[in-house]
Amino acid sequence: MLGSSLSHEDLISLLAVVGVQLLAAAAVTGLHRFDAWLRRALPYVISVAVGVLLTTGAAHLLPEAIEALGNRTALWVVLVMTMLTLYTFERAFHVLSGVSAEPSPEVDCTEVHEPGEHHHHHHGSRSTTLLLGAVTHSLVDGTSVAAAFALDRRVGWVTALAVGLHEIPHRMGDFALLVHMGIERNRAAWLAIGAGASSLLGWLLVVALGGSGSARVAWLLPVSAGSFLYISLVDLLPELQAEDKPKAVFGQILCLIVGVLLALGLTQMRGA
């Protein structure tokens, strides 16, 4: 039985993966009720997420990967190929769906189109492609969290924090775009939240590879590091560059620094 073979670290990582998705689900639900407040706060959440993701990828996941696998060429090839694969996937996604692969939460989710006969299939194909991208993204996130926990619990919690902060704008953006495509708000919310369930498949993948203590899991660390670096630098950071008000820019930079310090501080805590 799977339950009898799970280690304590596997169960802790499962708790973290589920917790991340509950946080993202709460953000989508909150977009119904606190739309204006969430939109004002979101650029600062994204700034913190960039800081946490960059620090987690460069200062935690990569050193863990080098320690476990050695500073070999194959490790760096995996890192680069992960980033190139994500770029290829997002470009293909953009062409097929006509929307950004990392949807901006600034899309007006109050603008709901009535799906008539002449464009229902078009909206349906775009929403399907959007959801496929969200499912794939959550799969990678679940794998990243579980792989980090398998190597070091402190790095696992920092990774879960990084994924959680990133999932908030990502899931809210999915919801906003689904509504913009003409899907009813409640159904769009359920679809956006449900896409996160694939993170459990990522967790199962790590468990299937041996979970805690498995050398094979260590090869997922450069994949996770490459994913975090790509998401922070290519997907999230450009979202902040449209801001030109000095006070807001200063606030975002401050939040980015907070994210870096938060990621560094958490991994220095003992007994985590």
Foldseek 3Di string as FASTA:
>chain_A
DLVVPDDPLLVVLVVLLVVLLVLQLVLLVVCVPPVVVCVVCLLLLLLLLLLLLLCLLPVPLVVLLCVLPNPDPVLVVLLVVLLVVVVVLQVVLCVQQVAGLQFALVQALVQADADDPVCVVNLVRNLVSSLVSLLVVLLLLLLQLQLLSLRPVLSSVSSSVSSSSSSNRRLSRQLSVNRNSHDDNVVSSCSSSVSNVSSVVSSVVCVVQPGRPHSVSSSSSSSSSSVSNNCSPPPRPVSNVVDDDVVVVVSSNVSNVVSNCVNVVSSPDPPD
